[in-house]
């Protein structure tokens, strides 16, 4: 029996790792939705409430990552390489960290009037996390490799759009913003948002590596 056959034999029986990964993906979507809601809201109290919820979800994500690592220590047989399980868990955790970081900066810096670029960035973060969650959901059935690949391509496309919006927004800040403090605030928030999309691309890279090894 080939290694691939062995892999395919065990994948459908996994009851531990895939549910945890799916929880992590769903958690990212919830965080991204709250961030988007905050950026489009004009209610400071609502933004504060959302920031607290995002922080709670970030802690939830940490717990999921910890559980995945515990399962790695307890299980000899895993659905794919242990290194890839660790890399996927870490990359998902990184996305959560930067979504939380963006929300935290908005709250701490008291950004009362988010820019259009920030709103566009948060739209892209939500889109990227939705593609991440979709790809992870398909991961348990590698017969749908095309679906996973398609999600990865879309994540990369979103990241490219985010890069463009970030670069353009920062250039406009340097050209038109005369208040140095506001310039720093806005740049820091935009940077955290752009980093979140970068981390989504890291997830896609890990997923593509898994596909190559198990095709």
N, C-alpha and C. Protein backbone atom coordinates (compact mmCIF):
# COMPACT_ATOMS: atom_id res chain seq x y z
N UNK A 1 0.85 -1.19 0.00
CA UNK A 1 0.00 0.00 0.00
C UNK A 1 0.89 1.25 0.00
N UNK A 2 0.61 2.18 -0.91
CA UNK A 2 1.43 3.39 -1.01
C UNK A 2 1.15 4.31 0.17
N UNK A 3 2.06 5.29 0.36
CA UNK A 3 1.86 6.27 1.43
C UNK A 3 0.59 7.07 1.21
N UNK A 4 0.31 7.40 -0.05
CA UNK A 4 -0.91 8.14 -0.35
C UNK A 4 -2.15 7.34 0.01
N UNK A 5 -2.10 6.04 -0.25
CA UNK A 5 -3.24 5.19 0.08
C UNK A 5 -3.44 5.14 1.59
N UNK A 6 -2.32 5.06 2.31
CA UNK A 6 -2.40 5.06 3.76
C UNK A 6 -3.01 6.39 4.23
N UNK A 7 -2.53 7.47 3.62
CA UNK A 7 -3.05 8.80 3.98
C UNK A 7 -4.56 8.87 3.75
N UNK A 8 -4.99 8.45 2.59
CA UNK A 8 -6.41 8.51 2.26
C UNK A 8 -7.23 7.60 3.17
N UNK A 9 -6.59 6.53 3.65
CA UNK A 9 -7.30 5.60 4.53
C UNK A 9 -7.61 6.25 5.87
N UNK A 10 -6.67 7.06 6.35
CA UNK A 10 -6.84 7.64 7.67
C UNK A 10 -7.60 8.97 7.68
N UNK A 11 -7.53 9.73 6.59
CA UNK A 11 -8.16 11.06 6.58
C UNK A 11 -9.63 11.05 6.97
N UNK A 12 -10.47 10.18 6.36
CA UNK A 12 -11.89 10.22 6.70
C UNK A 12 -12.19 9.90 8.16
N UNK A 13 -11.26 9.20 8.85
CA UNK A 13 -11.50 8.80 10.22
C UNK A 13 -11.07 9.85 11.24
N UNK A 14 -10.40 10.90 10.79
CA UNK A 14 -9.92 11.90 11.73
C UNK A 14 -11.09 12.63 12.37
N UNK A 15 -11.11 12.59 13.69
CA UNK A 15 -12.20 13.24 14.44
C UNK A 15 -11.67 14.36 15.33
N UNK A 16 -10.39 14.65 15.21
CA UNK A 16 -9.79 15.60 16.13
C UNK A 16 -9.29 16.86 15.44
N UNK A 17 -8.40 16.70 14.47
CA UNK A 17 -7.73 17.86 13.89
C UNK A 17 -8.64 18.68 12.98
N UNK A 18 -9.37 18.03 12.08
CA UNK A 18 -10.18 18.79 11.13
C UNK A 18 -11.27 19.62 11.82
N UNK A 19 -11.98 19.06 12.82
CA UNK A 19 -12.96 19.91 13.52
C UNK A 19 -12.32 21.12 14.19
N UNK A 20 -11.12 20.94 14.74
CA UNK A 20 -10.42 22.07 15.37
C UNK A 20 -10.02 23.12 14.34
N UNK A 21 -9.52 22.66 13.19
CA UNK A 21 -9.15 23.61 12.13
C UNK A 21 -10.39 24.36 11.63
N UNK A 22 -11.51 23.65 11.51
CA UNK A 22 -12.74 24.30 11.05
C UNK A 22 -13.22 25.33 12.08
N UNK A 23 -13.07 25.01 13.36
CA UNK A 23 -13.42 25.98 14.40
C UNK A 23 -12.54 27.23 14.29
N UNK A 24 -11.26 27.02 14.02
CA UNK A 24 -10.34 28.15 13.88
C UNK A 24 -10.73 29.02 12.69
N UNK A 25 -11.08 28.39 11.57
CA UNK A 25 -11.50 29.14 10.40
C UNK A 25 -12.76 29.93 10.63
N UNK A 26 -13.73 29.31 11.28
CA UNK A 26 -14.99 29.99 11.59
C UNK A 26 -14.76 31.15 12.55
N UNK A 27 -13.84 30.95 13.49
CA UNK A 27 -13.52 32.00 14.46
C UNK A 27 -12.93 33.23 13.76
N UNK A 28 -12.11 32.99 12.74
CA UNK A 28 -11.53 34.12 11.99
C UNK A 28 -12.61 34.93 11.28
N UNK A 29 -13.59 34.24 10.71
CA UNK A 29 -14.69 34.95 10.05
C UNK A 29 -15.45 35.82 11.05
N UNK A 30 -15.72 35.27 12.23
CA UNK A 30 -16.43 36.04 13.26
C UNK A 30 -15.64 37.28 13.65
N UNK A 31 -14.33 37.13 13.78
CA UNK A 31 -13.48 38.28 14.13
C UNK A 31 -13.49 39.32 13.02
N UNK A 32 -13.39 38.86 11.78
CA UNK A 32 -13.35 39.79 10.64
C UNK A 32 -14.68 40.54 10.50
N UNK A 33 -15.78 39.86 10.77
CA UNK A 33 -17.09 40.52 10.69
C UNK A 33 -17.22 41.62 11.74
N UNK A 34 -16.73 41.34 12.94
CA UNK A 34 -16.78 42.35 13.99
C UNK A 34 -15.89 43.54 13.66
N UNK A 35 -14.72 43.27 13.09
CA UNK A 35 -13.83 44.37 12.68
C UNK A 35 -14.49 45.22 11.61
N UNK A 36 -15.10 44.56 10.64
CA UNK A 36 -15.79 45.29 9.57
C UNK A 36 -16.91 46.14 10.14
N UNK A 37 -17.67 45.56 11.05
CA UNK A 37 -18.78 46.27 11.67
C UNK A 37 -18.28 47.51 12.41
N UNK A 38 -17.14 47.37 13.08
CA UNK A 38 -16.56 48.50 13.81
C UNK A 38 -16.17 49.63 12.87
N UNK A 39 -15.56 49.28 11.75
CA UNK A 39 -15.09 50.30 10.81
C UNK A 39 -16.24 51.08 10.18
N UNK A 40 -17.37 50.41 10.00
CA UNK A 40 -18.51 51.06 9.36
C UNK A 40 -19.46 51.72 10.38
N UNK A 41 -19.23 51.47 11.66
CA UNK A 41 -20.08 52.05 12.69
C UNK A 41 -19.63 53.46 13.05
N UNK A 42 -20.59 54.29 13.41
CA UNK A 42 -20.28 55.65 13.89
C UNK A 42 -20.47 55.76 15.39
N UNK A 43 -20.77 54.63 16.03
CA UNK A 43 -21.04 54.60 17.46
C UNK A 43 -19.78 54.15 18.22
N UNK A 44 -19.14 55.06 18.97
CA UNK A 44 -17.93 54.70 19.71
C UNK A 44 -18.15 53.54 20.68
N UNK A 45 -19.32 53.50 21.30
CA UNK A 45 -19.62 52.43 22.25
C UNK A 45 -19.67 51.08 21.55
N UNK A 46 -20.20 51.08 20.34
CA UNK A 46 -20.28 49.84 19.56
C UNK A 46 -18.88 49.38 19.20
N UNK A 47 -18.02 50.28 18.84
CA UNK A 47 -16.64 49.93 18.50
C UNK A 47 -15.91 49.34 19.71
N UNK A 48 -16.14 49.94 20.86
CA UNK A 48 -15.52 49.42 22.08
C UNK A 48 -16.02 48.01 22.39
N UNK A 49 -17.33 47.83 22.24
CA UNK A 49 -17.93 46.51 22.47
C UNK A 49 -17.36 45.48 21.50
N UNK A 50 -17.26 45.85 20.23
CA UNK A 50 -16.72 44.93 19.23
C UNK A 50 -15.26 44.59 19.50
N UNK A 51 -14.49 45.59 19.93
CA UNK A 51 -13.08 45.36 20.24
C UNK A 51 -12.95 44.33 21.36
N UNK A 52 -13.82 44.42 22.36
CA UNK A 52 -13.79 43.45 23.46
C UNK A 52 -14.17 42.05 22.95
N UNK A 53 -15.17 41.98 22.07
CA UNK A 53 -15.57 40.68 21.52
C UNK A 53 -14.45 40.08 20.67
N UNK A 54 -13.77 40.93 19.90
CA UNK A 54 -12.64 40.46 19.08
C UNK A 54 -11.53 39.92 19.98
N UNK A 55 -11.28 40.60 21.08
CA UNK A 55 -10.27 40.13 22.03
C UNK A 55 -10.65 38.76 22.59
N UNK A 56 -11.93 38.60 22.93
CA UNK A 56 -12.40 37.31 23.45
C UNK A 56 -12.24 36.20 22.41
N UNK A 57 -12.54 36.53 21.16
CA UNK A 57 -12.41 35.53 20.08
C UNK A 57 -10.94 35.21 19.81
N UNK A 58 -10.07 36.21 19.98
CA UNK A 58 -8.64 35.94 19.82
C UNK A 58 -8.17 34.94 20.88
N UNK A 59 -8.68 35.09 22.10
CA UNK A 59 -8.35 34.13 23.16
C UNK A 59 -8.92 32.75 22.82
N UNK A 60 -10.11 32.73 22.24
CA UNK A 60 -10.70 31.47 21.81
C UNK A 60 -9.80 30.81 20.76
N UNK A 61 -9.29 31.61 19.83
CA UNK A 61 -8.38 31.09 18.82
C UNK A 61 -7.11 30.52 19.43
N UNK A 62 -6.59 31.20 20.46
CA UNK A 62 -5.41 30.69 21.16
C UNK A 62 -5.70 29.32 21.77
N UNK A 63 -6.89 29.18 22.33
CA UNK A 63 -7.26 27.90 22.96
C UNK A 63 -7.36 26.79 21.91
N UNK A 64 -7.90 27.11 20.74
CA UNK A 64 -7.99 26.13 19.66
C UNK A 64 -6.60 25.70 19.22
N UNK A 65 -5.70 26.68 19.06
CA UNK A 65 -4.32 26.37 18.68
C UNK A 65 -3.66 25.49 19.72
N UNK A 66 -3.88 25.80 20.99
CA UNK A 66 -3.31 25.00 22.08
C UNK A 66 -3.85 23.58 22.03
N UNK A 67 -5.14 23.43 21.74
CA UNK A 67 -5.75 22.10 21.66
C UNK A 67 -5.15 21.29 20.51
N UNK A 68 -4.90 21.96 19.39
CA UNK A 68 -4.27 21.27 18.25
C UNK A 68 -2.89 20.77 18.63
N UNK A 69 -2.13 21.60 19.34
CA UNK A 69 -0.80 21.19 19.77
C UNK A 69 -0.86 20.03 20.76
N UNK A 70 -1.87 20.05 21.63
CA UNK A 70 -2.05 18.94 22.57
C UNK A 70 -2.35 17.64 21.82
N UNK A 71 -3.21 17.74 20.81
CA UNK A 71 -3.56 16.55 20.03
C UNK A 71 -2.34 16.01 19.28
N UNK A 72 -1.48 16.91 18.83
CA UNK A 72 -0.25 16.48 18.16
C UNK A 72 0.61 15.64 19.10
N UNK A 73 0.62 16.04 20.37
CA UNK A 73 1.42 15.30 21.34
C UNK A 73 0.82 13.97 21.73
N UNK A 74 -0.50 13.84 21.57
CA UNK A 74 -1.18 12.62 22.02
C UNK A 74 -1.39 11.59 20.91
N UNK A 75 -1.35 12.04 19.65
CA UNK A 75 -1.71 11.15 18.54
C UNK A 75 -0.50 10.81 17.68
N UNK A 76 -0.26 9.52 17.53
CA UNK A 76 0.84 9.07 16.69
C UNK A 76 0.49 9.22 15.21
N UNK A 77 -0.77 8.89 14.88
CA UNK A 77 -1.23 8.99 13.49
C UNK A 77 -1.96 10.32 13.29
N UNK A 78 -1.52 11.07 12.29
CA UNK A 78 -2.14 12.36 11.98
C UNK A 78 -2.58 12.36 10.51
N UNK A 79 -3.56 13.19 10.15
CA UNK A 79 -4.09 13.18 8.78
C UNK A 79 -3.09 13.64 7.73
N UNK A 80 -2.12 14.46 8.12
CA UNK A 80 -1.00 14.83 7.24
C UNK A 80 0.18 15.18 8.12
N UNK A 81 1.31 15.54 7.51
CA UNK A 81 2.55 15.73 8.24
C UNK A 81 2.38 16.59 9.50
N UNK A 82 3.02 16.16 10.56
CA UNK A 82 2.93 16.87 11.82
C UNK A 82 3.42 18.31 11.68
N UNK A 83 4.48 18.48 10.89
CA UNK A 83 5.02 19.83 10.68
C UNK A 83 4.00 20.72 9.99
N UNK A 84 3.23 20.15 9.06
CA UNK A 84 2.22 20.94 8.36
C UNK A 84 1.03 21.27 9.26
N UNK A 85 0.69 20.35 10.15
CA UNK A 85 -0.38 20.63 11.12
C UNK A 85 0.04 21.79 12.01
N UNK A 86 1.28 21.74 12.47
CA UNK A 86 1.79 22.82 13.31
C UNK A 86 1.83 24.14 12.54
N UNK A 87 2.30 24.09 11.31
CA UNK A 87 2.39 25.31 10.49
C UNK A 87 1.01 25.89 10.20
N UNK A 88 0.03 25.02 9.92
CA UNK A 88 -1.31 25.51 9.63
C UNK A 88 -1.94 26.13 10.87
N UNK A 89 -1.79 25.48 12.01
CA UNK A 89 -2.33 26.02 13.27
C UNK A 89 -1.69 27.37 13.58
N UNK A 90 -0.38 27.47 13.40
CA UNK A 90 0.33 28.72 13.71
C UNK A 90 -0.07 29.84 12.77
N UNK A 91 -0.24 29.52 11.49
CA UNK A 91 -0.60 30.56 10.52
C UNK A 91 -2.03 31.07 10.76
N UNK A 92 -2.93 30.18 11.15
CA UNK A 92 -4.30 30.61 11.48
C UNK A 92 -4.29 31.50 12.73
N UNK A 93 -3.46 31.13 13.69
CA UNK A 93 -3.34 31.93 14.91
C UNK A 93 -2.78 33.32 14.60
N UNK A 94 -1.86 33.39 13.65
CA UNK A 94 -1.29 34.68 13.25
C UNK A 94 -2.35 35.61 12.66
N UNK A 95 -3.25 35.04 11.86
CA UNK A 95 -4.33 35.86 11.28
C UNK A 95 -5.16 36.48 12.40
N UNK A 96 -5.53 35.65 13.37
CA UNK A 96 -6.32 36.13 14.51
C UNK A 96 -5.58 37.23 15.26
N UNK A 97 -4.29 37.05 15.45
CA UNK A 97 -3.49 38.03 16.19
C UNK A 97 -3.53 39.40 15.51
N UNK A 98 -3.43 39.41 14.18
CA UNK A 98 -3.37 40.70 13.49
C UNK A 98 -4.75 41.35 13.32
N UNK A 99 -5.80 40.55 13.24
CA UNK A 99 -7.15 41.13 13.26
C UNK A 99 -7.38 41.79 14.62
N UNK A 100 -6.98 41.07 15.66
CA UNK A 100 -7.09 41.63 17.01
C UNK A 100 -6.22 42.88 17.13
N UNK A 101 -5.02 42.83 16.56
CA UNK A 101 -4.13 43.98 16.61
C UNK A 101 -4.72 45.21 15.95
N UNK A 102 -5.38 45.01 14.81
CA UNK A 102 -6.01 46.14 14.11
C UNK A 102 -7.12 46.74 14.96
N UNK A 103 -7.97 45.87 15.52
CA UNK A 103 -9.08 46.35 16.35
C UNK A 103 -8.55 47.07 17.59
N UNK A 104 -7.49 46.54 18.15
CA UNK A 104 -6.90 47.12 19.35
C UNK A 104 -6.32 48.51 19.07
N UNK A 105 -5.67 48.65 17.92
CA UNK A 105 -5.09 49.96 17.57
C UNK A 105 -6.18 50.99 17.33
N UNK A 106 -7.26 50.57 16.68
CA UNK A 106 -8.37 51.50 16.45
C UNK A 106 -8.92 52.02 17.77
N UNK A 107 -9.03 51.11 18.74
CA UNK A 107 -9.58 51.47 20.04
C UNK A 107 -8.58 52.32 20.85
N UNK A 108 -7.34 51.89 20.91
CA UNK A 108 -6.34 52.59 21.71
C UNK A 108 -6.01 53.98 21.16
N UNK A 109 -5.96 54.07 19.82
CA UNK A 109 -5.60 55.34 19.20
C UNK A 109 -6.80 56.27 19.01
N UNK A 110 -7.98 55.75 19.43
CA UNK A 110 -9.21 56.54 19.33
C UNK A 110 -9.43 57.08 17.92
N UNK A 111 -9.42 56.17 16.96
CA UNK A 111 -9.65 56.54 15.56
C UNK A 111 -11.16 56.76 15.38
N UNK A 112 -11.57 58.01 15.41
CA UNK A 112 -13.00 58.34 15.38
C UNK A 112 -13.60 58.24 13.98
N UNK A 113 -12.79 58.58 12.97
CA UNK A 113 -13.29 58.61 11.60
C UNK A 113 -12.40 57.76 10.70
N UNK A 114 -12.65 56.46 10.66
CA UNK A 114 -11.84 55.58 9.81
C UNK A 114 -11.90 56.02 8.36
N UNK A 115 -10.78 55.87 7.69
CA UNK A 115 -10.71 56.27 6.28
C UNK A 115 -11.39 55.25 5.39
N UNK A 116 -11.64 55.66 4.15
CA UNK A 116 -12.22 54.75 3.17
C UNK A 116 -11.29 53.56 2.93
N UNK A 117 -9.99 53.82 2.95
CA UNK A 117 -9.03 52.74 2.76
C UNK A 117 -9.14 51.69 3.86
N UNK A 118 -9.34 52.13 5.09
CA UNK A 118 -9.52 51.19 6.21
C UNK A 118 -10.75 50.32 5.99
N UNK A 119 -11.83 50.94 5.54
CA UNK A 119 -13.06 50.19 5.29
C UNK A 119 -12.85 49.16 4.17
N UNK A 120 -12.15 49.58 3.13
CA UNK A 120 -11.88 48.65 2.04
C UNK A 120 -10.98 47.50 2.50
N UNK A 121 -10.04 47.81 3.37
CA UNK A 121 -9.13 46.78 3.89
C UNK A 121 -9.90 45.77 4.73
N UNK A 122 -10.82 46.26 5.55
CA UNK A 122 -11.57 45.33 6.40
C UNK A 122 -12.51 44.46 5.56
N UNK A 123 -13.00 44.99 4.44
CA UNK A 123 -13.79 44.17 3.52
C UNK A 123 -12.93 43.03 2.97
N UNK A 124 -11.69 43.35 2.64
CA UNK A 124 -10.78 42.35 2.08
C UNK A 124 -10.37 41.31 3.13
N UNK A 125 -10.21 41.75 4.37
CA UNK A 125 -9.89 40.81 5.45
C UNK A 125 -11.00 39.79 5.60
N UNK A 126 -12.24 40.26 5.60
CA UNK A 126 -13.38 39.35 5.71
C UNK A 126 -13.41 38.39 4.53
N UNK A 127 -13.20 38.91 3.33
CA UNK A 127 -13.20 38.06 2.14
C UNK A 127 -12.11 36.99 2.24
N UNK A 128 -10.93 37.39 2.68
CA UNK A 128 -9.82 36.45 2.79
C UNK A 128 -10.11 35.36 3.81
N UNK A 129 -10.67 35.74 4.96
CA UNK A 129 -10.96 34.73 6.00
C UNK A 129 -12.05 33.77 5.53
N UNK A 130 -12.98 34.25 4.74
CA UNK A 130 -14.01 33.35 4.20
C UNK A 130 -13.40 32.31 3.27
N UNK A 131 -12.44 32.74 2.45
CA UNK A 131 -11.76 31.79 1.57
C UNK A 131 -10.89 30.81 2.37
N UNK A 132 -10.28 31.31 3.43
CA UNK A 132 -9.47 30.45 4.30
C UNK A 132 -10.36 29.36 4.91
N UNK A 133 -11.49 29.77 5.45
CA UNK A 133 -12.40 28.80 6.08
C UNK A 133 -12.93 27.78 5.07
N UNK A 134 -13.22 28.25 3.87
CA UNK A 134 -13.71 27.35 2.83
C UNK A 134 -12.66 26.32 2.46
N UNK A 135 -11.41 26.75 2.31
CA UNK A 135 -10.33 25.83 1.95
C UNK A 135 -10.11 24.80 3.05
N UNK A 136 -10.17 25.24 4.29
CA UNK A 136 -9.97 24.32 5.41
C UNK A 136 -11.09 23.30 5.49
N UNK A 137 -12.30 23.74 5.22
CA UNK A 137 -13.44 22.82 5.22
C UNK A 137 -13.25 21.72 4.18
N UNK A 138 -12.68 22.09 3.04
CA UNK A 138 -12.47 21.12 1.96
C UNK A 138 -11.26 20.22 2.23
N UNK A 139 -10.42 20.60 3.18
CA UNK A 139 -9.16 19.88 3.40
C UNK A 139 -9.38 18.44 3.84
N UNK A 140 -10.48 18.19 4.53
CA UNK A 140 -10.71 16.83 5.03
C UNK A 140 -11.05 15.85 3.92
N UNK A 141 -11.36 16.37 2.74
CA UNK A 141 -11.65 15.50 1.59
C UNK A 141 -10.79 15.95 0.43
N UNK A 142 -9.63 15.34 0.30
CA UNK A 142 -8.68 15.79 -0.73
C UNK A 142 -9.09 15.40 -2.15
N UNK A 143 -10.31 14.88 -2.29
CA UNK A 143 -10.83 14.66 -3.64
C UNK A 143 -11.20 16.00 -4.28
N UNK A 144 -11.39 17.01 -3.42
CA UNK A 144 -11.77 18.34 -3.92
C UNK A 144 -10.58 19.29 -3.92
N UNK A 145 -9.47 18.80 -4.45
CA UNK A 145 -8.25 19.61 -4.49
C UNK A 145 -8.47 20.91 -5.26
N UNK A 146 -9.25 20.84 -6.33
CA UNK A 146 -9.49 22.04 -7.15
C UNK A 146 -10.15 23.15 -6.32
N UNK A 147 -11.06 22.76 -5.43
CA UNK A 147 -11.72 23.77 -4.60
C UNK A 147 -10.75 24.45 -3.65
N UNK A 148 -9.84 23.65 -3.07
CA UNK A 148 -8.84 24.22 -2.16
C UNK A 148 -7.90 25.14 -2.94
N UNK A 149 -7.47 24.68 -4.10
CA UNK A 149 -6.57 25.49 -4.93
C UNK A 149 -7.24 26.80 -5.33
N UNK A 150 -8.51 26.72 -5.70
CA UNK A 150 -9.25 27.92 -6.09
C UNK A 150 -9.31 28.92 -4.93
N UNK A 151 -9.55 28.43 -3.72
CA UNK A 151 -9.59 29.31 -2.55
C UNK A 151 -8.23 29.95 -2.31
N UNK A 152 -7.17 29.18 -2.49
CA UNK A 152 -5.81 29.71 -2.29
C UNK A 152 -5.51 30.81 -3.30
N UNK A 153 -5.92 30.60 -4.54
CA UNK A 153 -5.71 31.62 -5.58
C UNK A 153 -6.48 32.89 -5.22
N UNK A 154 -7.68 32.73 -4.72
CA UNK A 154 -8.49 33.90 -4.35
C UNK A 154 -7.89 34.64 -3.15
N UNK A 155 -7.33 33.88 -2.21
CA UNK A 155 -6.66 34.51 -1.06
C UNK A 155 -5.48 35.35 -1.55
N UNK A 156 -4.70 34.81 -2.47
CA UNK A 156 -3.56 35.54 -3.02
C UNK A 156 -4.01 36.80 -3.74
N UNK A 157 -5.13 36.70 -4.45
CA UNK A 157 -5.67 37.86 -5.16
C UNK A 157 -6.11 38.95 -4.18
N UNK A 158 -6.76 38.54 -3.10
CA UNK A 158 -7.18 39.49 -2.07
C UNK A 158 -5.96 40.18 -1.45
N UNK A 159 -4.92 39.41 -1.19
CA UNK A 159 -3.71 39.97 -0.59
C UNK A 159 -3.07 41.00 -1.51
N UNK A 160 -3.08 40.74 -2.81
CA UNK A 160 -2.54 41.70 -3.77
C UNK A 160 -3.34 43.00 -3.77
N UNK A 161 -4.67 42.87 -3.70
CA UNK A 161 -5.53 44.07 -3.63
C UNK A 161 -5.24 44.86 -2.35
N UNK A 162 -5.06 44.14 -1.25
CA UNK A 162 -4.78 44.81 0.03
C UNK A 162 -3.44 45.56 -0.04
N UNK A 163 -2.45 44.94 -0.66
CA UNK A 163 -1.15 45.61 -0.82
C UNK A 163 -1.31 46.93 -1.57
N UNK A 164 -2.09 46.89 -2.65
CA UNK A 164 -2.29 48.08 -3.47
C UNK A 164 -2.99 49.17 -2.67
N UNK A 165 -4.06 48.80 -1.96
CA UNK A 165 -4.81 49.78 -1.17
C UNK A 165 -3.92 50.37 -0.08
N UNK A 166 -3.14 49.51 0.57
CA UNK A 166 -2.24 49.98 1.64
C UNK A 166 -1.22 50.97 1.10
N UNK A 167 -0.55 50.60 0.02
CA UNK A 167 0.48 51.48 -0.55
C UNK A 167 -0.11 52.82 -0.98
N UNK A 168 -1.26 52.77 -1.63
CA UNK A 168 -1.91 54.00 -2.10
C UNK A 168 -2.35 54.87 -0.92
N UNK A 169 -2.91 54.23 0.11
CA UNK A 169 -3.38 54.98 1.27
C UNK A 169 -2.23 55.64 2.02
N UNK A 170 -1.13 54.92 2.18
CA UNK A 170 0.03 55.48 2.88
C UNK A 170 0.63 56.63 2.08
N UNK A 171 0.69 56.48 0.76
CA UNK A 171 1.21 57.56 -0.09
C UNK A 171 0.36 58.81 0.06
N UNK A 172 -0.97 58.63 0.12
CA UNK A 172 -1.87 59.78 0.27
C UNK A 172 -1.74 60.41 1.65
N UNK A 173 -1.48 59.59 2.66
CA UNK A 173 -1.27 60.13 4.00
C UNK A 173 -0.05 61.06 4.01
N UNK A 174 1.03 60.59 3.42
CA UNK A 174 2.26 61.40 3.39
C UNK A 174 2.08 62.67 2.56
N UNK A 175 1.21 62.61 1.57
CA UNK A 175 1.03 63.77 0.69
C UNK A 175 0.06 64.78 1.27
N UNK A 176 -1.03 64.29 1.91
CA UNK A 176 -2.11 65.21 2.28
C UNK A 176 -2.30 65.41 3.79
N UNK A 177 -1.90 64.44 4.61
CA UNK A 177 -2.14 64.56 6.04
C UNK A 177 -1.09 65.47 6.69
N UNK A 178 -1.55 66.56 7.27
CA UNK A 178 -0.63 67.53 7.86
C UNK A 178 -0.40 67.29 9.35
N UNK A 179 -1.28 66.53 9.98
CA UNK A 179 -1.15 66.23 11.40
C UNK A 179 -0.33 64.95 11.55
N UNK A 180 0.87 65.09 12.10
CA UNK A 180 1.80 63.96 12.19
C UNK A 180 1.24 62.83 13.06
N UNK A 181 0.52 63.19 14.12
CA UNK A 181 -0.04 62.17 15.00
C UNK A 181 -1.10 61.34 14.28
N UNK A 182 -1.98 62.03 13.55
CA UNK A 182 -3.00 61.31 12.78
C UNK A 182 -2.35 60.43 11.72
N UNK A 183 -1.31 60.94 11.10
CA UNK A 183 -0.61 60.15 10.08
C UNK A 183 -0.10 58.84 10.67
N UNK A 184 0.52 58.92 11.84
CA UNK A 184 1.06 57.72 12.48
C UNK A 184 -0.06 56.77 12.88
N UNK A 185 -1.14 57.31 13.44
CA UNK A 185 -2.27 56.48 13.85
C UNK A 185 -2.83 55.69 12.67
N UNK A 186 -3.12 56.42 11.59
CA UNK A 186 -3.75 55.79 10.43
C UNK A 186 -2.80 54.76 9.79
N UNK A 187 -1.53 55.11 9.72
CA UNK A 187 -0.58 54.19 9.11
C UNK A 187 -0.46 52.91 9.93
N UNK A 188 -0.46 53.02 11.26
CA UNK A 188 -0.34 51.85 12.13
C UNK A 188 -1.56 50.93 11.99
N UNK A 189 -2.74 51.50 11.92
CA UNK A 189 -3.95 50.70 11.75
C UNK A 189 -3.95 50.00 10.40
N UNK A 190 -3.64 50.75 9.35
CA UNK A 190 -3.58 50.17 8.01
C UNK A 190 -2.54 49.06 7.93
N UNK A 191 -1.42 49.26 8.60
CA UNK A 191 -0.36 48.26 8.59
C UNK A 191 -0.81 46.95 9.22
N UNK A 192 -1.52 47.04 10.34
CA UNK A 192 -2.03 45.83 10.99
C UNK A 192 -3.03 45.11 10.10
N UNK A 193 -3.86 45.87 9.41
CA UNK A 193 -4.84 45.27 8.50
C UNK A 193 -4.14 44.58 7.33
N UNK A 194 -3.14 45.25 6.78
CA UNK A 194 -2.42 44.66 5.66
C UNK A 194 -1.68 43.39 6.10
N UNK A 195 -1.17 43.42 7.32
CA UNK A 195 -0.50 42.23 7.86
C UNK A 195 -1.47 41.06 8.00
N UNK A 196 -2.72 41.37 8.36
CA UNK A 196 -3.73 40.31 8.49
C UNK A 196 -3.95 39.59 7.16
N UNK A 197 -3.98 40.36 6.07
CA UNK A 197 -4.15 39.73 4.76
C UNK A 197 -2.88 38.96 4.36
N UNK A 198 -1.72 39.47 4.77
CA UNK A 198 -0.46 38.74 4.53
C UNK A 198 -0.50 37.38 5.21
N UNK A 199 -1.01 37.35 6.44
CA UNK A 199 -1.07 36.10 7.19
C UNK A 199 -2.08 35.13 6.59
N UNK A 200 -3.13 35.66 5.97
CA UNK A 200 -4.07 34.79 5.24
C UNK A 200 -3.36 34.12 4.06
N UNK A 201 -2.48 34.89 3.41
CA UNK A 201 -1.69 34.32 2.32
C UNK A 201 -0.75 33.24 2.84
N UNK A 202 -0.22 33.43 4.05
CA UNK A 202 0.63 32.39 4.65
C UNK A 202 -0.17 31.10 4.85
N UNK A 203 -1.42 31.23 5.26
CA UNK A 203 -2.29 30.05 5.40
C UNK A 203 -2.42 29.34 4.05
N UNK A 204 -2.65 30.13 3.00
CA UNK A 204 -2.77 29.57 1.65
C UNK A 204 -1.50 28.83 1.25
N UNK A 205 -0.35 29.39 1.59
CA UNK A 205 0.92 28.75 1.25
C UNK A 205 1.07 27.40 1.96
N UNK A 206 0.65 27.34 3.22
CA UNK A 206 0.71 26.07 3.96
C UNK A 206 -0.24 25.05 3.32
N UNK A 207 -1.43 25.50 2.97
CA UNK A 207 -2.40 24.60 2.34
C UNK A 207 -1.87 24.05 1.01
N UNK A 208 -1.25 24.92 0.24
CA UNK A 208 -0.69 24.47 -1.04
C UNK A 208 0.43 23.46 -0.83
N UNK A 209 1.22 23.66 0.22
CA UNK A 209 2.28 22.71 0.54
C UNK A 209 1.70 21.34 0.90
N UNK A 210 0.61 21.36 1.65
CA UNK A 210 -0.07 20.11 2.03
C UNK A 210 -0.58 19.38 0.78
N UNK A 211 -1.15 20.16 -0.14
CA UNK A 211 -1.68 19.56 -1.38
C UNK A 211 -0.56 18.92 -2.19
N UNK A 212 0.57 19.61 -2.30
CA UNK A 212 1.69 19.08 -3.09
C UNK A 212 2.19 17.75 -2.48
N UNK A 213 2.29 17.71 -1.18
CA UNK A 213 2.80 16.51 -0.51
C UNK A 213 1.83 15.33 -0.58
N UNK A 214 0.54 15.62 -0.70
CA UNK A 214 -0.45 14.55 -0.60
C UNK A 214 -1.27 14.37 -1.88
N UNK A 215 -0.82 14.98 -2.98
CA UNK A 215 -1.57 14.87 -4.25
C UNK A 215 -1.49 13.43 -4.76
